[in-house]
């Protein structure tokens, strides 16, 4: 069982806020979806981009042809 030491708890830095790569908003959670045909996420070099819920849903509607880009 891990022991608790108050001095360690006080010095740990707070977590960095998450930021949507598309709208730049600070958010509590982000999503990353990779659906391209032939896309191999472990072998293909790429820049990981994370989206907030609103941007993720908008990108999904665009992908399905329900909304213009």
C-alpha atoms as a PDB file:
ATOM      1  CA  UNK A   1       0.000   0.000   0.000  1.00  0.00           C
ATOM      2  CA  UNK A   2       1.369   3.436  -0.958  1.00  0.00           C
ATOM      3  CA  UNK A   3       2.038   5.884   1.815  1.00  0.00           C
ATOM      4  CA  UNK A   4       0.807   9.465   1.792  1.00  0.00           C
ATOM      5  CA  UNK A   5       3.217  12.277   2.521  1.00  0.00           C
ATOM      6  CA  UNK A   6       1.699  15.802   2.806  1.00  0.00           C
ATOM      7  CA  UNK A   7       4.900  17.553   1.636  1.00  0.00           C
ATOM      8  CA  UNK A   8       4.832  15.610  -1.632  1.00  0.00           C
ATOM      9  CA  UNK A   9       1.156  16.319  -2.212  1.00  0.00           C
ATOM     10  CA  UNK A  10       1.665  20.073  -1.742  1.00  0.00           C
ATOM     11  CA  UNK A  11       4.530  20.279  -4.235  1.00  0.00           C
ATOM     12  CA  UNK A  12       2.958  18.369  -7.116  1.00  0.00           C
ATOM     13  CA  UNK A  13       1.964  20.658  -9.983  1.00  0.00           C
ATOM     14  CA  UNK A  14      -1.695  20.878 -10.982  1.00  0.00           C
ATOM     15  CA  UNK A  15      -2.538  19.103 -14.247  1.00  0.00           C
ATOM     16  CA  UNK A  16      -2.297  21.174 -17.410  1.00  0.00           C
ATOM     17  CA  UNK A  17      -5.711  22.112 -18.834  1.00  0.00           C
ATOM     18  CA  UNK A  18      -6.779  20.248 -21.958  1.00  0.00           C
ATOM     19  CA  UNK A  19      -7.121  22.317 -25.123  1.00  0.00           C
ATOM     20  CA  UNK A  20      -9.014  21.582 -28.337  1.00  0.00           C
ATOM     21  CA  UNK A  21      -6.628  21.712 -31.322  1.00  0.00           C
ATOM     22  CA  UNK A  22      -9.434  23.001 -33.567  1.00  0.00           C
ATOM     23  CA  UNK A  23     -11.125  25.838 -31.613  1.00  0.00           C
ATOM     24  CA  UNK A  24      -8.394  26.333 -28.963  1.00  0.00           C
ATOM     25  CA  UNK A  25     -10.935  26.178 -26.095  1.00  0.00           C
ATOM     26  CA  UNK A  26      -9.843  24.874 -22.690  1.00  0.00           C
ATOM     27  CA  UNK A  27     -12.042  21.876 -21.927  1.00  0.00           C
ATOM     28  CA  UNK A  28     -12.405  19.141 -19.325  1.00  0.00           C
ATOM     29  CA  UNK A  29     -12.146  16.317 -21.893  1.00  0.00           C
ATOM     30  CA  UNK A  30     -11.042  15.814 -25.501  1.00  0.00           C
ATOM     31  CA  UNK A  31     -11.591  13.160 -28.169  1.00  0.00           C
ATOM     32  CA  UNK A  32      -9.394  11.646 -30.848  1.00  0.00           C
ATOM     33  CA  UNK A  33     -10.914   9.519 -33.600  1.00  0.00           C
ATOM     34  CA  UNK A  34      -8.949   8.008 -36.500  1.00  0.00           C
ATOM     35  CA  UNK A  35     -11.177   6.560 -39.225  1.00  0.00           C
ATOM     36  CA  UNK A  36      -9.380   7.088 -42.546  1.00  0.00           C
ATOM     37  CA  UNK A  37      -9.269   4.085 -44.867  1.00  0.00           C
ATOM     38  CA  UNK A  38      -5.838   2.496 -44.850  1.00  0.00           C
ATOM     39  CA  UNK A  39      -4.736   4.555 -41.861  1.00  0.00           C
ATOM     40  CA  UNK A  40      -2.268   2.700 -39.646  1.00  0.00           C
ATOM     41  CA  UNK A  41      -1.893   4.816 -36.494  1.00  0.00           C
ATOM     42  CA  UNK A  42       1.125   2.942 -35.175  1.00  0.00           C
ATOM     43  CA  UNK A  43       3.237   3.105 -38.358  1.00  0.00           C
ATOM     44  CA  UNK A  44       2.155   6.304 -40.146  1.00  0.00           C
ATOM     45  CA  UNK A  45       3.875   9.478 -38.895  1.00  0.00           C
ATOM     46  CA  UNK A  46       1.238  12.024 -37.937  1.00  0.00           C
ATOM     47  CA  UNK A  47       0.467  14.912 -35.644  1.00  0.00           C
ATOM     48  CA  UNK A  48      -2.018  13.886 -32.987  1.00  0.00           C
ATOM     49  CA  UNK A  49      -4.892  16.346 -32.768  1.00  0.00           C
ATOM     50  CA  UNK A  50      -7.560  16.323 -30.092  1.00  0.00           C
ATOM     51  CA  UNK A  51     -11.046  17.845 -30.343  1.00  0.00           C
ATOM     52  CA  UNK A  52     -13.547  19.075 -27.781  1.00  0.00           C
ATOM     53  CA  UNK A  53     -17.019  17.527 -27.863  1.00  0.00           C
ATOM     54  CA  UNK A  54     -18.465  20.297 -30.064  1.00  0.00           C
ATOM     55  CA  UNK A  55     -15.628  20.144 -32.645  1.00  0.00           C
ATOM     56  CA  UNK A  56     -15.606  16.330 -32.620  1.00  0.00           C
ATOM     57  CA  UNK A  57     -19.348  16.193 -33.356  1.00  0.00           C
ATOM     58  CA  UNK A  58     -18.979  18.822 -36.101  1.00  0.00           C
ATOM     59  CA  UNK A  59     -16.120  16.862 -37.719  1.00  0.00           C
ATOM     60  CA  UNK A  60     -18.234  13.670 -37.540  1.00  0.00           C
ATOM     61  CA  UNK A  61     -21.179  15.405 -39.275  1.00  0.00           C
ATOM     62  CA  UNK A  62     -18.793  16.674 -41.991  1.00  0.00           C
ATOM     63  CA  UNK A  63     -17.316  13.199 -42.444  1.00  0.00           C
ATOM     64  CA  UNK A  64     -20.796  11.719 -42.894  1.00  0.00           C
ATOM     65  CA  UNK A  65     -21.733  14.442 -45.409  1.00  0.00           C
ATOM     66  CA  UNK A  66     -24.349  16.037 -43.139  1.00  0.00           C
ATOM     67  CA  UNK A  67     -22.541  19.376 -42.919  1.00  0.00           C
ATOM     68  CA  UNK A  68     -20.314  21.400 -45.226  1.00  0.00           C
ATOM     69  CA  UNK A  69     -16.654  21.889 -44.392  1.00  0.00           C
END
